[in-house]
Protein backbone atom coordinates (compact mmCIF):
# COMPACT_ATOMS: atom_id res chain seq x y z
CA MET A 1 230.73 -17.99 81.83
CA HIS A 2 232.58 -15.12 79.86
CA TYR A 3 235.97 -14.73 79.10
CA ASN A 4 238.36 -11.57 78.65
CA GLN A 5 241.75 -13.44 76.69
CA ARG A 6 243.82 -12.23 73.83
CA ILE A 7 243.36 -15.10 71.45
CA VAL A 8 245.02 -15.33 67.76
CA THR A 9 243.66 -18.12 65.49
CA PHE A 10 245.08 -19.55 62.31
CA GLY A 11 243.53 -21.72 60.05
CA GLY A 12 240.87 -21.51 57.15
CA GLY A 13 237.61 -22.86 55.73
CA THR A 14 234.66 -24.38 57.99
CA GLY A 15 237.50 -25.52 60.85
CA GLN A 16 238.30 -21.67 61.51
CA PHE A 17 234.77 -20.41 60.99
CA HIS A 18 233.38 -22.74 63.81
CA LEU A 19 236.30 -21.87 66.14
CA LEU A 20 235.56 -18.46 65.85
CA SER A 21 231.85 -19.07 65.87
CA GLY A 22 232.60 -20.30 69.73
CA LEU A 23 235.14 -17.69 70.64
CA ARG A 24 232.70 -15.01 69.98
CA GLU A 25 230.19 -16.05 72.23
CA LEU A 26 232.56 -16.75 75.07
CA ASN A 27 235.08 -14.51 74.81
CA LYS A 28 235.52 -10.34 74.50
CA ASN A 29 235.10 -10.03 70.86
CA SER A 30 237.95 -6.99 70.95
CA LYS A 31 240.12 -9.40 71.99
CA ILE A 32 240.09 -12.28 69.12
CA THR A 33 242.51 -11.94 65.99
CA ALA A 34 241.25 -14.18 63.38
CA VAL A 35 244.22 -14.63 60.71
CA ALA A 36 243.06 -15.30 57.54
CA GLY A 37 244.99 -17.29 54.53
CA THR A 38 245.57 -15.64 51.44
CA TRP A 39 246.72 -18.08 49.04
CA ASP A 40 243.14 -19.82 47.91
CA SER A 41 243.31 -20.85 44.29
CA GLY A 42 240.25 -21.77 43.21
CA GLY A 43 236.39 -20.38 42.77
CA SER A 44 235.66 -17.33 42.79
CA SER A 45 238.61 -16.44 45.42
CA GLY A 46 240.69 -17.56 42.60
CA ARG A 47 238.62 -15.62 39.55
CA LEU A 48 239.24 -12.28 41.55
CA ARG A 49 243.12 -12.91 42.50
CA THR A 50 243.61 -13.86 38.72
CA GLU A 51 241.22 -10.95 37.19
CA ILE A 52 241.69 -7.87 39.43
CA GLY A 53 244.51 -8.76 41.47
CA VAL A 54 243.20 -8.68 45.16
CA LEU A 55 244.07 -11.00 47.80
CA PRO A 56 241.85 -14.22 48.00
CA PRO A 57 238.38 -12.98 49.87
CA GLY A 58 237.04 -16.43 50.91
CA ASP A 59 238.52 -17.25 54.25
CA ILE A 60 238.59 -13.51 54.98
CA ARG A 61 234.79 -13.57 54.15
CA ARG A 62 234.35 -16.76 56.68
CA CYS A 63 236.01 -14.88 59.55
CA VAL A 64 234.20 -11.88 59.03
CA LEU A 65 230.80 -14.00 59.23
CA ALA A 66 231.86 -16.23 62.17
CA LEU A 67 232.42 -13.01 64.29
CA MET A 68 229.11 -11.32 63.82
CA LYS A 69 227.43 -10.70 67.11
CA ASP A 70 223.71 -10.48 65.91
CA GLU A 71 222.05 -13.97 64.91
CA LYS A 72 219.26 -12.37 62.60
CA GLN A 73 222.33 -10.05 60.95
CA ARG A 74 224.16 -13.15 60.51
CA LYS A 75 221.85 -15.34 58.82
CA VAL A 76 220.81 -12.57 56.57
CA ALA A 77 224.71 -11.96 55.64
CA GLN A 78 225.39 -15.66 55.51
CA LYS A 79 222.45 -15.99 52.80
CA LEU A 80 223.79 -13.01 50.83
CA PHE A 81 227.36 -13.76 51.37
CA ASP A 82 227.07 -17.14 49.72
CA ASP A 83 224.69 -16.26 46.92
CA ARG A 84 226.89 -17.18 43.64
CA LEU A 85 224.53 -14.61 41.20
CA LYS A 86 223.61 -17.87 39.55
CA ASP A 87 220.84 -15.94 37.97
CA MET A 88 222.77 -13.24 36.42
CA ASN A 89 224.90 -13.44 33.12
CA GLY A 90 228.42 -11.96 32.34
CA PRO A 91 231.47 -11.77 34.44
CA LEU A 92 229.81 -11.80 37.51
CA LYS A 93 227.77 -15.19 37.36
CA GLY A 94 229.28 -17.87 39.91
CA HIS A 95 231.25 -15.06 41.99
CA SER A 96 230.06 -15.05 45.95
CA PHE A 97 228.50 -11.89 46.90
CA GLY A 98 230.66 -11.69 50.08
CA ASN A 99 233.78 -12.08 47.83
CA LEU A 100 233.02 -9.31 45.62
CA LEU A 101 232.12 -7.30 48.59
CA THR A 102 235.45 -7.90 50.39
CA ALA A 103 237.02 -6.96 46.95
CA ARG A 104 234.91 -4.03 46.33
CA LEU A 105 235.83 -2.02 49.89
CA ASP A 106 239.55 -3.33 49.14
CA ASN A 107 239.41 -1.28 45.71
CA LEU A 108 237.35 1.73 47.52
CA TYR A 109 239.65 1.65 50.55
CA SER A 110 242.99 1.38 48.60
CA GLY A 111 244.57 -1.62 50.55
CA GLN A 112 243.36 -4.77 51.91
CA ASP A 113 243.88 -4.24 55.53
CA ARG A 114 241.91 -1.12 55.50
CA GLY A 115 239.21 -2.78 53.50
CA ILE A 116 238.70 -5.88 55.79
CA ASP A 117 238.55 -2.92 58.55
CA ALA A 118 235.79 -1.26 56.55
CA GLU A 119 233.95 -4.35 56.38
CA CYS A 120 234.26 -5.18 60.22
CA GLU A 121 233.04 -1.46 60.74
CA LEU A 122 229.84 -1.92 58.17
CA PHE A 123 229.31 -5.22 60.14
CA ARG A 124 229.99 -3.83 63.69
CA ILE A 125 232.75 -6.35 64.36
CA SER A 126 234.93 -5.44 67.31
CA ALA A 127 237.15 -8.25 66.69
CA LYS A 128 240.10 -8.24 64.43
CA VAL A 129 240.42 -9.89 60.70
CA MET A 130 243.77 -9.73 59.51
CA PRO A 131 245.38 -11.61 56.18
CA VAL A 132 248.59 -13.56 57.22
CA SER A 133 250.23 -11.80 54.67
CA MET A 134 249.97 -9.11 51.58
CA SER A 135 252.04 -10.98 49.49
CA LYS A 136 250.24 -12.68 46.28
CA VAL A 137 251.61 -16.64 46.20
CA GLU A 138 250.97 -19.78 45.12
CA LEU A 139 250.88 -22.90 47.09
CA ILE A 140 252.75 -26.08 45.82
CA ALA A 141 252.98 -29.35 47.33
CA GLU A 142 255.23 -31.88 46.29
CA THR A 143 254.86 -35.55 47.20
CA LYS A 144 257.45 -38.47 48.02
CA MET A 145 257.77 -39.05 44.25
CA GLY A 146 258.64 -35.57 43.54
CA THR A 147 255.38 -34.82 41.51
CA GLN A 148 254.67 -30.92 42.03
CA ILE A 149 251.16 -30.06 42.32
CA VAL A 150 250.31 -26.51 41.64
CA GLY A 151 247.47 -24.28 43.45
CA GLU A 152 245.43 -24.77 46.91
CA THR A 153 242.52 -26.10 44.85
CA ASN A 154 244.86 -28.29 42.93
CA ILE A 155 246.16 -30.13 46.22
CA ASP A 156 242.65 -29.98 47.87
CA LEU A 157 241.15 -31.92 45.23
CA ARG A 158 244.33 -34.21 44.13
CA VAL A 159 241.88 -37.20 44.91
CA GLU A 160 240.04 -36.42 41.91
CA ASN A 161 242.73 -36.66 39.78
CA LYS A 162 242.87 -39.61 37.10
CA ASN A 163 246.40 -40.10 38.15
CA TYR A 164 246.03 -39.69 41.35
CA ASN A 165 248.40 -42.36 43.31
CA PRO A 166 247.21 -42.93 47.09
CA GLN A 167 250.67 -44.09 47.94
CA ASP A 168 252.28 -41.05 46.93
CA LYS A 169 251.55 -38.86 50.04
CA ILE A 170 252.35 -35.14 50.12
CA ASN A 171 256.17 -34.51 51.14
CA ARG A 172 256.35 -31.13 51.67
CA ILE A 173 254.63 -27.75 51.05
CA TYR A 174 255.98 -24.08 49.90
CA PHE A 175 255.13 -21.05 48.10
CA ASP A 176 256.18 -19.94 44.92
CA THR A 177 257.79 -16.83 46.15
CA SER A 178 258.88 -15.46 49.54
CA ALA A 179 255.73 -14.03 51.58
CA ASP A 180 256.27 -11.69 54.46
CA ILE A 181 253.45 -11.48 57.39
CA ASN A 182 251.68 -8.74 57.70
CA PRO A 183 253.41 -6.13 59.85
CA LYS A 184 250.18 -5.46 62.26
CA LEU A 185 249.94 -9.26 62.68
CA ILE A 186 253.46 -9.38 64.89
CA ASN A 187 251.95 -7.27 67.39
CA GLU A 188 249.24 -9.41 67.85
CA ILE A 189 251.07 -12.20 68.54
CA LEU A 190 253.47 -10.99 70.65
CA LYS A 191 250.31 -9.53 72.80
CA ALA A 192 248.44 -12.93 72.86
CA ASP A 193 247.20 -14.94 76.09
CA LYS A 194 246.63 -17.95 73.48
CA ILE A 195 247.55 -18.76 70.05
CA VAL A 196 245.66 -21.24 68.70
CA PHE A 197 245.71 -23.45 65.06
CA SER A 198 242.40 -24.35 64.56
CA GLN A 199 241.18 -27.70 62.98
CA GLY A 200 241.08 -28.05 58.88
CA ASP A 201 242.88 -29.20 56.45
CA LEU A 202 246.04 -29.76 57.29
CA TYR A 203 248.34 -29.04 54.19
CA THR A 204 246.05 -26.47 52.53
CA SER A 205 244.45 -24.51 55.07
CA VAL A 206 246.61 -24.72 58.12
CA LEU A 207 250.24 -25.43 57.92
CA PRO A 208 250.66 -22.59 55.22
CA HIS A 209 250.22 -20.10 57.23
CA LEU A 210 253.87 -21.35 58.98
CA LEU A 211 255.53 -20.74 55.13
CA VAL A 212 254.88 -16.96 55.77
CA LYS A 213 258.31 -15.31 56.45
CA GLY A 214 257.94 -13.75 60.20
CA VAL A 215 254.97 -16.01 61.31
CA ARG A 216 257.45 -18.54 63.14
CA GLU A 217 259.54 -16.17 64.45
CA ALA A 218 256.81 -13.93 66.31
CA ILE A 219 255.35 -17.20 67.90
CA SER A 220 258.66 -18.30 68.96
CA LYS A 221 259.28 -14.96 70.88
CA SER A 222 255.24 -15.09 71.91
CA LYS A 223 254.54 -15.82 75.48
CA ALA A 224 251.19 -17.01 74.50
CA LYS A 225 250.14 -20.63 75.38
CA LEU A 226 250.19 -22.14 71.65
CA ILE A 227 247.55 -24.68 71.14
CA ILE A 228 246.73 -27.43 68.17
CA VAL A 229 243.44 -28.17 67.43
CA LEU A 230 243.55 -31.81 66.15
CA ASN A 231 241.12 -32.91 63.34
CA LEU A 232 238.21 -35.58 64.25
CA MET A 233 238.83 -37.42 60.82
CA THR A 234 241.82 -38.01 58.33
CA LYS A 235 241.17 -36.33 54.64
CA PRO A 236 242.24 -38.34 51.92
CA GLY A 237 245.16 -37.02 49.82
CA GLU A 238 246.75 -35.28 52.66
CA THR A 239 246.27 -36.71 56.20
CA ASP A 240 245.51 -40.81 54.93
CA LYS A 241 246.09 -43.07 57.79
CA TYR A 242 247.72 -39.69 59.86
CA LYS A 243 247.38 -40.32 64.05
CA ALA A 244 247.64 -37.65 66.28
CA SER A 245 251.69 -37.90 66.69
CA ASP A 246 251.60 -37.59 62.53
CA PHE A 247 249.81 -34.31 62.99
CA LEU A 248 252.31 -33.33 65.75
CA LYS A 249 255.29 -34.24 63.79
CA THR A 250 254.37 -32.43 61.06
CA PHE A 251 253.40 -29.21 62.99
CA ILE A 252 256.69 -29.42 64.85
CA TYR A 253 258.90 -29.57 61.49
CA TYR A 254 257.48 -26.43 60.33
CA LEU A 255 257.43 -24.78 63.50
CA ASP A 256 261.13 -25.80 63.47
CA SER A 257 260.67 -26.94 67.52
CA SER A 258 259.74 -29.57 69.36
CA SER A 259 259.04 -27.61 72.57
CA ARG A 260 256.66 -24.75 71.46
CA ILE A 261 253.77 -26.42 70.99
CA ASP A 262 251.99 -25.91 74.84
CA TYR A 263 248.64 -28.02 74.17
CA VAL A 264 247.13 -30.59 72.03
CA LEU A 265 243.42 -30.35 72.15
CA VAL A 266 241.77 -33.69 71.00
CA ASN A 267 238.40 -35.45 70.81
CA ASP A 268 237.47 -37.86 73.30
CA ASN A 269 233.72 -38.52 72.13
CA GLN A 270 232.81 -42.22 71.83
CA LEU A 271 231.17 -42.13 68.22
CA ASP A 272 228.40 -44.21 66.76
CA PRO A 273 229.58 -46.72 65.05
CA LYS A 274 227.57 -46.16 62.31
CA ILE A 275 228.77 -42.61 61.43
CA VAL A 276 232.29 -43.77 61.57
CA LYS A 277 231.40 -46.46 59.24
CA ILE A 278 229.81 -43.81 56.72
CA TYR A 279 232.89 -41.70 56.85
CA LYS A 280 235.21 -44.97 56.35
CA ASN A 281 233.37 -45.94 53.36
CA SER A 282 234.34 -42.25 52.03
CA SER A 283 237.68 -43.01 52.80
CA GLN A 284 238.01 -41.32 56.03
CA ASN A 285 239.14 -42.49 59.32
CA LEU A 286 238.77 -41.38 63.14
CA VAL A 287 242.37 -39.94 64.17
CA LYS A 288 244.04 -41.93 66.42
CA ILE A 289 245.45 -40.60 69.51
CA ASP A 290 248.80 -42.39 70.21
CA ASP A 291 249.62 -40.79 73.44
CA LEU A 292 253.20 -42.19 73.68
CA LYS A 293 254.26 -41.22 70.38
CA ILE A 294 253.08 -37.48 71.17
CA LYS A 295 255.13 -37.53 74.24
CA GLU A 296 258.01 -39.13 72.90
CA LEU A 297 258.03 -36.42 70.04
CA SER A 298 257.36 -33.42 72.65
CA PRO A 299 257.84 -34.40 76.22
CA ASN A 300 256.17 -31.41 77.62
CA ILE A 301 253.39 -31.16 75.48
CA LYS A 302 249.99 -31.54 77.47
CA ILE A 303 246.97 -33.35 75.82
CA VAL A 304 243.49 -32.31 76.54
CA LYS A 305 240.86 -34.54 75.90
CA ARG A 306 237.60 -33.59 75.77
CA CYS A 307 234.04 -33.90 74.36
CA VAL A 308 234.08 -31.52 71.70
CA SER A 309 232.61 -32.62 68.93
CA SER A 310 228.96 -32.90 66.93
CA TYR A 311 227.18 -35.13 64.67
CA LEU A 312 224.76 -32.81 62.38
CA LYS A 313 221.82 -35.23 61.33
CA ASN A 314 220.50 -33.00 58.42
CA GLU A 315 223.65 -32.83 56.65
CA HIS A 316 225.16 -35.84 57.86
CA LEU A 317 228.61 -34.29 58.91
CA LEU A 318 230.69 -34.47 61.83
CA ARG A 319 232.45 -31.24 63.09
CA HIS A 320 233.51 -29.62 66.20
CA ASN A 321 231.01 -28.11 68.44
CA PRO A 322 231.85 -24.64 68.15
CA THR A 323 230.66 -23.89 71.74
CA LYS A 324 232.58 -27.12 73.18
CA LEU A 325 235.41 -26.18 71.86
CA ALA A 326 236.02 -22.46 72.51
CA GLU A 327 235.38 -23.45 76.30
CA ALA A 328 237.87 -26.28 75.91
CA ILE A 329 240.43 -23.32 74.66
CA LEU A 330 239.00 -20.62 77.37
CA GLU A 331 239.39 -23.16 80.20
CA ILE A 332 243.23 -24.41 79.20
């Protein structure tokens, strides 16, 4: 069954990639708007941001790839996009070719939005891909003990820091300067049937969208159903020991509303204990669904429980299944 719903997705990394991959197959592509983050500070994206002043292209690249309809084209594009030019010498070595393509189109078309539109035309993508903001910002996290962690990558990899204290949890996140919403995005939010915050790293991929001035306000005005996709596992350094209600409480704080979220979508698979143990050995635990606490925080919220996970044996990874996830969202 194919759907024809106006859907706006927020997120980043592999979480939003899997969500868009499922929506691409089940929903009319022209009705999908994928919103990409613009605060990535590491790797090729971070280098391009510093060296030539473009918005970080990493999440844009992933959205474009996920939305390519033709499977053969997508496989070739993924191989090309992920090429890190390791056999080259000079300043290009280590860059993702996909990031370079996005950055070059930005330069040729004199503007990030126009460059992304050109990239979508190049790969015949009818969906829309938009940066959440045109502002260049640095993401900062502050811990309960008052430590400031500057940069998305440093927050993401804080557990690797020799001074990391697992008891010193993230208390809040903010930008180093004000960021304004991409004007084109406002209309997409207001017209949407559903707004979806994808699964992903809570403090580095998902919540920062709500720090952009105008995003929360547009969501508040929109009549769209607001859906939060809950993570399968906790993440060391970000969401240690988080239950479903902890995720929800954090969303409520950054949305500044306990009633705006309509649905929280959670996984209902009975996972193999061996898989759970593998993740537990890496300090990652299943996110427990504490229904009563969720209802206390937001009495009108609906908890949708669906079997939406898959274990990828070859990669030893537990992930949301793109098709099952998209079906669950579209059937709401």
